[in-house]
Each structure stands twice: as structure tokens, then as C-alpha cells.
Protein backbone atom coordinates (compact mmCIF):
# COMPACT_ATOMS: atom_id res chain seq x y z
CA MET A 1 145.81 14.23 213.10
CA GLU A 2 142.04 14.02 213.50
CA TYR A 3 139.93 16.20 211.33
CA VAL A 4 136.28 16.70 212.49
CA TYR A 5 133.48 18.26 210.39
CA PRO A 6 129.71 18.16 209.89
CA ASP A 7 128.51 15.76 207.18
CA TYR A 8 127.28 18.75 204.98
CA TYR A 9 130.71 20.55 205.30
CA ARG A 10 132.22 19.56 202.01
CA GLN A 11 129.03 20.28 200.06
CA PHE A 12 129.18 24.05 200.56
CA THR A 13 129.49 26.08 197.29
CA CYS A 14 129.70 30.10 197.34
CA ILE A 15 126.58 31.30 195.32
CA GLY A 16 128.70 34.57 194.44
CA GLY A 17 126.61 37.30 192.84
CA GLU A 18 123.31 35.66 193.83
CA CYS A 19 124.11 36.03 197.58
CA PRO A 20 121.72 38.38 199.43
CA ASP A 21 124.89 39.78 201.42
CA THR A 22 128.46 40.34 201.04
CA CYS A 23 131.40 38.97 203.18
CA CYS A 24 133.57 41.75 201.95
CA ALA A 25 131.75 44.54 203.77
CA GLY A 26 131.79 45.63 207.36
CA TRP A 27 134.94 43.25 208.42
CA GLU A 28 138.44 43.79 208.30
CA ILE A 29 139.95 41.01 205.97
CA VAL A 30 143.32 40.17 207.32
CA ILE A 31 145.91 39.02 204.68
CA ASP A 32 148.17 36.01 205.53
CA ASP A 33 152.16 36.79 205.25
CA LYS A 34 152.52 34.36 202.26
CA THR A 35 149.84 36.07 200.13
CA LEU A 36 151.03 39.55 201.52
CA GLU A 37 154.41 38.79 199.75
CA LYS A 38 152.65 37.68 196.48
CA TYR A 39 150.74 40.75 196.42
CA LYS A 40 153.97 42.82 196.89
CA LYS A 41 155.45 41.12 193.82
CA TYR A 42 152.57 41.16 191.46
CA PRO A 43 153.10 42.88 188.30
CA GLY A 44 151.45 45.52 186.12
CA GLY A 45 148.75 47.97 186.86
CA PHE A 46 146.67 45.62 188.99
CA GLY A 47 149.57 44.80 191.05
CA ASN A 48 149.85 48.64 191.77
CA ARG A 49 146.25 48.67 192.70
CA LEU A 50 146.98 45.91 195.08
CA ARG A 51 149.69 47.63 196.85
CA ASN A 52 147.72 50.88 196.98
CA SER A 53 144.83 49.03 198.46
CA ILE A 54 146.44 47.43 201.53
CA ASN A 55 147.06 48.68 204.90
CA PHE A 56 150.52 46.84 205.35
CA LYS A 57 150.91 47.94 209.00
CA ARG A 58 147.64 46.09 209.74
CA LYS A 59 148.09 43.37 207.02
CA SER A 60 144.65 44.02 205.72
CA PHE A 61 142.59 45.36 202.87
CA LYS A 62 141.74 49.11 203.04
CA GLN A 63 137.99 49.79 203.15
CA TYR A 64 136.03 52.49 201.61
CA ASP A 65 132.53 53.24 203.28
CA ARG A 66 133.06 49.97 205.20
CA ARG A 67 133.63 47.98 201.95
CA CYS A 68 136.72 46.23 200.93
CA ALA A 69 138.56 48.18 198.29
CA PHE A 70 138.18 45.36 195.80
CA LEU A 71 134.37 44.95 196.12
CA ASN A 72 132.70 46.22 193.00
CA GLU A 73 129.30 47.54 192.53
CA GLU A 74 127.96 44.39 191.56
CA ASN A 75 129.10 43.03 195.06
CA LEU A 76 131.75 40.79 193.20
CA CYS A 77 135.41 40.83 193.89
CA ASP A 78 137.73 42.40 191.39
CA ILE A 79 140.66 40.17 192.63
CA TYR A 80 138.67 37.01 191.52
CA THR A 81 137.89 38.87 188.20
CA GLU A 82 141.44 39.73 187.56
CA ALA A 83 143.18 36.69 188.52
CA GLY A 84 140.77 33.97 189.93
CA GLU A 85 140.78 32.25 193.28
CA LYS A 86 144.53 31.64 193.36
CA LEU A 87 145.24 35.41 194.17
CA PHE A 88 142.87 35.30 197.31
CA CYS A 89 144.42 35.59 200.55
CA LYS A 90 143.79 32.64 203.04
CA THR A 91 140.69 34.53 204.59
CA CYS A 92 138.82 35.05 201.49
CA ARG A 93 139.86 31.52 200.10
CA GLN A 94 138.59 29.74 203.16
CA TYR A 95 135.43 31.68 204.31
CA PRO A 96 132.82 30.70 205.37
CA ARG A 97 135.03 27.66 206.27
CA HIS A 98 136.31 27.85 209.95
CA GLU A 99 138.87 25.84 211.85
CA GLU A 100 139.36 25.33 215.47
CA GLU A 101 142.80 24.12 216.62
CA TYR A 102 143.45 21.71 219.30
CA GLU A 103 146.41 19.38 220.01
CA ASN A 104 146.37 16.87 217.17
CA VAL A 105 142.78 17.76 216.32
CA ARG A 106 141.21 20.25 213.96
CA GLU A 107 137.46 20.92 214.11
CA LEU A 108 136.25 22.39 210.95
CA SER A 109 132.71 24.20 210.40
CA LEU A 110 130.83 26.50 208.13
CA SER A 111 130.08 29.97 209.65
CA LEU A 112 126.32 30.80 210.35
CA SER A 113 127.33 34.41 209.30
CA CYS A 114 127.32 33.34 205.56
CA PRO A 115 123.63 33.16 204.15
CA GLU A 116 124.12 30.16 202.22
CA ALA A 117 125.91 28.36 205.02
CA ALA A 118 123.19 29.50 207.28
CA ARG A 119 120.51 27.91 205.08
CA MET A 120 122.52 24.60 205.06
CA ILE A 121 123.14 24.49 208.84
CA LEU A 122 119.49 25.26 209.75
CA SER A 123 117.96 22.77 207.21
CA GLN A 124 119.64 19.78 208.91
CA ASP A 125 117.58 17.14 210.77
CA ARG A 126 120.45 16.75 213.22
CA LEU A 127 124.24 17.43 213.39
CA ASN A 128 126.21 14.50 212.19
CA LEU A 129 129.99 14.61 212.56
CA ILE A 130 132.68 13.00 210.37
CA TYR A 131 135.91 11.84 211.99
CA ASP A 132 138.82 11.55 209.65
CA GLU A 133 142.12 10.52 210.77
CA LYS A 134 145.02 11.34 208.45
CA LYS A 135 148.80 10.73 208.88
CA GLY A 136 150.95 13.33 210.06
CA HIS A 137 153.37 14.64 212.92
CA SER A 138 152.30 14.41 216.36
CA GLU A 139 151.66 18.00 217.96
CA ASP A 140 152.70 18.95 221.54
CA TYR A 141 151.23 22.10 222.61
CA GLY A 142 152.90 21.98 225.86
CA ASP A 143 150.39 23.07 228.56
CA PHE A 144 147.29 21.82 226.77
CA ASP A 145 145.16 20.03 229.12
CA GLU A 146 144.26 16.64 227.61
CA LEU A 147 142.07 15.77 230.45
CA LEU A 148 139.97 18.71 230.42
CA PHE A 149 139.66 18.43 226.70
CA SER A 150 138.44 14.75 226.80
CA GLN A 151 135.95 15.86 229.61
CA LEU A 152 134.64 18.68 227.59
CA LEU A 153 134.18 16.54 224.51
CA ASP A 154 132.19 14.11 226.80
CA GLY A 155 130.32 17.12 227.95
CA ARG A 156 129.48 18.32 224.44
CA ASP A 157 128.06 14.90 223.38
CA ALA A 158 125.93 15.11 226.56
CA PHE A 159 124.72 18.58 225.62
CA TRP A 160 123.87 17.28 222.21
CA LYS A 161 121.70 14.35 223.99
CA LEU A 162 119.77 17.23 225.79
CA ILE A 163 119.13 19.33 222.77
CA GLU A 164 117.93 16.32 220.48
CA ASN A 165 115.65 14.97 223.28
CA GLU A 166 112.22 15.71 221.49
CA ASN A 167 110.24 14.21 224.32
CA VAL A 168 111.27 17.32 226.49
CA PRO A 169 109.84 20.89 225.50
CA MET A 170 112.41 23.15 224.02
CA ALA A 171 112.61 25.43 226.76
CA VAL A 172 113.12 22.78 229.46
CA ARG A 173 116.13 21.57 227.19
CA MET A 174 117.57 24.85 227.17
CA MET A 175 117.13 25.29 230.95
CA GLN A 176 118.76 21.89 231.37
CA MET A 177 121.68 23.16 229.32
CA LEU A 178 122.06 26.19 231.52
CA SER A 179 121.93 24.16 234.70
CA MET A 180 124.34 21.73 233.57
CA GLY A 181 126.76 24.30 232.36
CA HIS A 182 126.54 26.20 235.62
CA HIS A 183 127.16 22.78 237.51
CA LEU A 184 129.90 21.89 235.25
CA GLN A 185 131.49 25.39 235.58
CA LYS A 186 131.66 25.04 239.20
CA ASN A 187 133.44 21.73 239.28
CA ILE A 188 136.04 22.87 236.73
CA SER A 189 136.85 26.21 238.56
CA GLU A 190 137.50 24.16 241.74
CA GLY A 191 139.75 21.63 239.80
CA GLN A 192 137.46 18.63 240.10
CA LEU A 193 137.99 17.43 236.67
CA PHE A 194 137.34 13.82 237.69
CA GLY A 195 133.78 12.35 238.02
CA LEU A 196 132.37 14.92 235.37
CA GLU A 197 130.49 12.10 233.87
CA ASN A 198 128.26 11.95 237.12
CA ILE A 199 127.00 15.51 236.26
CA TYR A 200 126.20 14.37 232.80
CA ASP A 201 124.58 11.34 233.67
CA HIS A 202 122.32 13.18 236.28
CA TYR A 203 120.94 15.48 233.72
CA LEU A 204 120.40 12.68 231.17
CA SER A 205 118.75 10.44 233.55
CA GLU A 206 114.96 9.50 233.32
CA GLY A 207 112.78 12.11 234.90
CA ALA A 208 115.41 14.65 235.14
CA ALA A 209 113.74 17.22 232.89
CA ASN A 210 110.34 17.00 234.64
CA ARG A 211 112.03 17.44 238.03
CA MET A 212 113.84 20.43 236.89
CA ASN A 213 110.66 22.02 235.23
CA VAL A 214 108.75 21.65 238.55
CA TYR A 215 111.61 23.22 240.72
CA LEU A 216 112.02 26.16 238.34
CA LYS A 217 108.30 26.76 238.26
CA GLU A 218 108.28 27.07 242.05
CA LYS A 219 111.41 29.23 242.09
CA TRP A 220 111.57 31.24 239.19
CA GLU A 221 108.06 31.80 237.33
CA LYS A 222 107.03 35.32 237.32
CA PRO A 223 104.61 36.80 234.87
CA GLY A 224 106.23 39.05 232.31
CA SER A 225 109.72 37.61 232.86
CA ARG A 226 110.39 37.00 229.34
CA TYR A 227 109.44 40.47 228.23
CA HIS A 228 111.69 42.14 230.69
CA VAL A 229 114.55 39.86 230.25
CA MET A 230 114.49 39.96 226.38
CA LYS A 231 114.35 43.91 226.52
CA GLY A 232 117.41 43.68 228.59
CA MET A 233 119.30 41.52 226.53
CA PHE A 234 118.40 43.57 223.30
CA SER A 235 119.68 46.66 224.98
CA CYS A 236 123.02 44.76 225.56
CA LEU A 237 123.43 44.46 221.91
CA HIS A 238 123.94 48.27 221.66
CA LYS A 239 127.04 47.77 223.82
CA LEU A 240 128.78 45.66 221.12
CA GLU A 241 131.02 46.79 218.08
CA ALA A 242 128.89 47.19 215.09
CA LEU A 243 130.52 45.61 212.24
CA SER A 244 127.53 46.57 209.68
CA ALA A 245 126.74 50.21 209.41
CA ASP A 246 122.99 49.25 209.55
CA TRP A 247 123.06 46.82 212.30
CA PRO A 248 122.40 49.47 215.27
CA GLY A 249 119.21 50.66 213.42
CA LYS A 250 118.11 47.14 212.74
CA VAL A 251 118.41 46.34 216.46
CA ARG A 252 116.38 49.51 217.31
CA HIS A 253 113.77 48.53 214.59
CA TYR A 254 113.40 45.04 216.29
CA GLU A 255 113.16 46.66 219.88
CA LYS A 256 110.23 49.00 218.49
CA ILE A 257 108.38 45.96 217.21
CA LEU A 258 108.98 43.77 220.02
CA PHE A 259 108.83 45.96 223.20
CA SER A 260 106.96 49.27 222.37
CA GLY A 261 103.51 47.81 222.55
CA GLY A 262 103.88 46.17 225.99
CA ARG A 263 104.11 42.81 227.38
CA LYS A 264 100.76 41.49 226.03
CA LYS A 265 101.56 42.65 222.40
CA TYR A 266 105.24 41.20 222.94
CA GLU A 267 103.70 37.79 223.83
CA ALA A 268 101.32 37.81 220.87
CA LEU A 269 104.08 38.03 218.53
CA HIS A 270 105.57 34.67 219.59
CA GLN A 271 102.84 33.12 217.35
CA TYR A 272 105.72 33.42 214.81
CA ARG A 273 108.41 31.54 216.85
CA MET A 274 110.66 29.30 214.89
CA PRO A 275 110.29 25.40 214.76
CA ASP A 276 111.92 23.50 217.48
CA LYS A 277 113.94 21.63 214.88
CA ILE A 278 115.61 24.79 213.68
CA ALA A 279 116.25 25.93 217.35
CA GLU A 280 118.05 22.38 217.76
CA GLN A 281 120.28 23.34 214.85
CA LEU A 282 121.08 26.61 216.29
CA LEU A 283 122.01 25.37 219.82
CA SER A 284 123.92 22.39 218.35
CA TYR A 285 125.94 24.66 216.05
CA PHE A 286 127.09 27.13 218.73
CA ILE A 287 127.92 24.16 221.32
CA TYR A 288 130.01 22.57 218.44
CA VAL A 289 131.89 25.66 217.47
CA TYR A 290 132.61 27.18 220.89
CA PHE A 291 132.14 24.59 223.67
CA ALA A 292 135.55 22.86 223.40
CA GLY A 293 137.16 25.98 223.30
CA ALA A 294 136.93 26.08 227.05
CA VAL A 295 139.94 24.04 227.24
CA TYR A 296 141.75 27.24 226.69
CA ASP A 297 140.03 29.66 229.14
CA GLY A 298 138.30 27.26 231.59
CA MET A 299 134.89 28.70 230.92
CA PRO A 300 132.57 26.22 229.47
CA TYR A 301 129.36 28.00 231.17
CA SER A 302 130.04 31.13 229.00
CA LYS A 303 129.79 29.01 225.87
CA VAL A 304 126.56 27.26 226.96
CA LYS A 305 125.11 30.77 227.61
CA LEU A 306 126.50 31.82 224.19
CA ALA A 307 124.38 28.96 222.63
CA VAL A 308 121.16 29.49 224.41
CA ILE A 309 121.19 33.41 224.62
CA SER A 310 122.04 33.62 220.96
CA THR A 311 119.21 31.10 220.16
CA MET A 312 116.72 33.23 222.28
CA LEU A 313 117.80 36.58 220.57
CA ILE A 314 117.48 35.06 217.07
CA GLU A 315 114.14 33.63 218.08
CA ASP A 316 112.91 37.28 218.77
CA ILE A 317 114.46 38.70 215.60
CA VAL A 318 112.64 36.00 213.66
CA CYS A 319 109.44 36.94 215.59
CA ALA A 320 109.91 40.83 214.94
CA THR A 321 110.68 40.32 211.08
CA ALA A 322 107.89 37.83 210.61
CA ALA A 323 105.34 39.78 212.40
CA GLU A 324 106.21 42.79 210.13
CA LYS A 325 105.56 40.76 206.99
CA GLY A 326 102.69 38.67 208.38
CA GLU A 327 104.07 35.31 207.59
CA LEU A 328 106.90 33.08 209.07
CA THR A 329 109.27 31.67 206.35
CA PHE A 330 112.55 29.55 206.42
CA GLU A 331 114.24 32.40 204.47
CA GLU A 332 113.36 35.00 207.34
CA ILE A 333 114.74 32.61 209.89
CA ALA A 334 118.02 32.00 207.98
CA ASP A 335 118.40 35.81 207.39
CA ALA A 336 117.84 36.70 211.03
CA ALA A 337 120.47 33.85 212.12
CA HIS A 338 123.05 35.13 209.63
CA SER A 339 122.70 38.70 210.42
CA TYR A 340 123.09 37.99 214.08
CA ALA A 341 126.06 35.84 213.50
CA ARG A 342 127.73 38.19 211.29
CA GLU A 343 127.92 40.74 214.19
CA VAL A 344 128.65 38.35 217.10
CA GLU A 345 130.82 35.92 215.74
CA HIS A 346 133.29 37.80 213.63
CA SER A 347 134.41 40.20 216.32
CA ASP A 348 136.66 38.86 219.07
CA LEU A 349 135.72 42.21 220.96
CA ASN A 350 132.11 41.24 220.84
CA LEU A 351 132.60 37.78 222.02
CA GLN A 352 134.80 38.98 224.76
CA ARG A 353 132.20 41.82 225.81
CA LEU A 354 129.35 39.12 225.69
CA SER A 355 131.36 36.88 227.94
CA ILE A 356 131.73 39.64 230.50
CA MET A 357 128.01 40.75 230.29
CA PHE A 358 126.96 37.12 230.68
CA ARG A 359 128.67 37.14 234.28
CA HIS A 360 127.64 40.78 235.36
CA GLN A 361 124.43 41.87 233.61
CA LYS A 362 121.28 40.91 235.47
CA CYS A 363 119.44 39.90 232.35
CA PHE A 364 121.70 37.07 231.90
CA HIS A 365 121.44 35.58 235.37
CA ILE A 366 120.61 31.82 235.19
CA GLY A 367 117.50 32.59 237.37
CA ARG A 368 116.36 35.31 235.00
CA LEU A 369 117.05 33.42 231.94
CA CYS A 370 115.11 30.16 233.15
CA GLY A 371 112.25 32.67 234.24
CA ALA A 372 112.16 33.76 230.67
CA LEU A 373 112.33 30.28 229.19
CA LEU A 374 109.41 29.22 231.55
CA GLU A 375 107.27 31.46 229.14
CA TRP A 376 109.05 30.32 226.00
């Protein structure tokens, strides 16, 4: 079995009551079967409270005002206070650690939705992965496509090379990602899995970025593209499931700051855009966590769009919050990233809805995205 994880993964420590957010509010916390049996047998008054606070049909903790039944007024967990971490269910014990399962491979990550993890992820100079081989039984997933998985891993390496190429403007790197993802999707949809390395080599070749930039400026550059595209993208956020009660209001507030003053004011707000190095970490994070998952649904382009579009949305949220305060800080950037990820990443429904919108909403068309990025 091979375990893959970022080099900072094992350094994470929960900061508990000092955390500006809580992972016990807004989300349905699913309880694994082993822990559920433990809760059924736990003795005493706290055992009665456990059983009265669980929805056994859904195998999850009950919520009151969108807060876990065990989240107290100090935003601390009463289960931890009563019995320590040993009584946690698997979800609470592991978060923000995340695991993606592939045949004979486990890829581990920290979730951007955790404020402390977000600070760790975004403060890195680059994404460095540890590959750890451990003895164990060999897995057989039956219909697991090993060839496609291998090609996707090669593609992921190619995307990281694009992302980390500091000789190319960030906007052009993101346009290259979209174009390569689109090209890759076409071949995979047509069953052409051999020769994908030629696609990667083409986009990594000398002069490829400049050729693409010239071509796109001739084809897609239109004044005000970014303003209209981003306005459309923010409106799509209202179509997602709201996991935090205050999220819809926050989105409306961002929209008011960004778009109510017209295009010129919107463009002026981008004096607060986040550093390229942080944008690199966002792109690298989303590609690492999601791209290889295309082995299960055959949709790598959707994963690339998730990385690029999420970075664009977080960038504008950063500009809105920084403009309101009159300064750009790392803490503001990390908070914007974690707030966005909290709403998007922890809802399978939201990820599915976004994937559908990426294919059908005009603002997510590759031409419009590139037009917006030309003004990045």
C-alpha cells in the first residue's frame, strides 16, 4: 500500500478553543458503525445524553440551530470534555484530515475548510508530497482503470509544472490549465488513453504560454469580461446548498462590494489581489485533492475547472473583504479560502451542482473564463 501526503500533513495540531470557527456547526456529522455501537452501550447519564442526541436512522448527531448537540457555548466539544478523544467518532477524530482511496493507494490531505489547515496550506512555498510504501495486502477494485489512473497522475504532475512556472503570468498559467484540461477531456471521452503525454509535453514546451496568450487575446479579449463573468459566477453560488446560516448573507455582501459600483470600481478593487504564490497553493491544493478522482467518473476537466474557478472566486472574496478593511493581510486570505471551502467541499450535492453548472452555465465556458483571466 502506498500512502501519499503533503510534507506538512503530520505537523497539524488542532488549536481548539482558539479557532475562529468551529467544525461542529453547519455540517451533518456522520457517525461510523463501530462508534455508534460504543455510544449505544456507554453508561451513566452521559450515555443517556449520547443516545438522546443521535439520529440513529441517519447515523449522525442531532443539531440545534445548526450546531452539533455536543457543541457548548465556548465552542468546545462536551464529548471531549467528558471522555477525551477516545470517544470521538471517526469523522471528529480525523477532521481536517482527508483521505482519497484508490486501488493500493491512499492520498491524504488537510482540508482547506479548517482555518488552521488553511493557514498551513497557503503558507507553503510549494506542494511537496511524501510517498510512503507500507506492507499490506494487495487490493483489487475489480473495474479500477489502472491505465487511466496512471495517465491522470502524469497529468497532475504536468498541471503542477504549469502552476509553478513563475516565468509565466498567473493568469496565463490558469488559461493553460483550462486549455490542457479541455484537450485532455476530449481524448479521454473518446477513449484515447495512449499518447496523453503528448498533450502534456505540448503545454509544457518552450513558448507554449506566449503562443496561447497571443491567440486568446485575438479571440477572446473583450473589455469588461472579468466583471460580467465574475458577477455570473457569484450568482451561481446562490444555487448551492448553504451549510452555514450566514453564508448566503456573506455572498450578497461580497456581491454588493464587488459589483454594485460598476465595472470601473470593480477593477479598482483588484489592487488587493492576493500574491501569486498563494494562488499557486490554492490551485495545487484543488488539483491534488480532486484531479485523480477523475478515474471514477472520467471527468478531469471538471476537476481542473474546480481548481481555477475556486481560485478566481476566492480571489474576489479576498478583494471584497480587504477593500472593506483597507488592507490585505494573510489572515484575510486564509479566512476567505476556508469560508469558501467550508461551503463547497463538505457537500457532495454542491460539488455535483458545480460540476453540472461548469458544463451548462455561460459564465463557466472556457472562452468566457479565458476572457476574464486576460484581465486578471
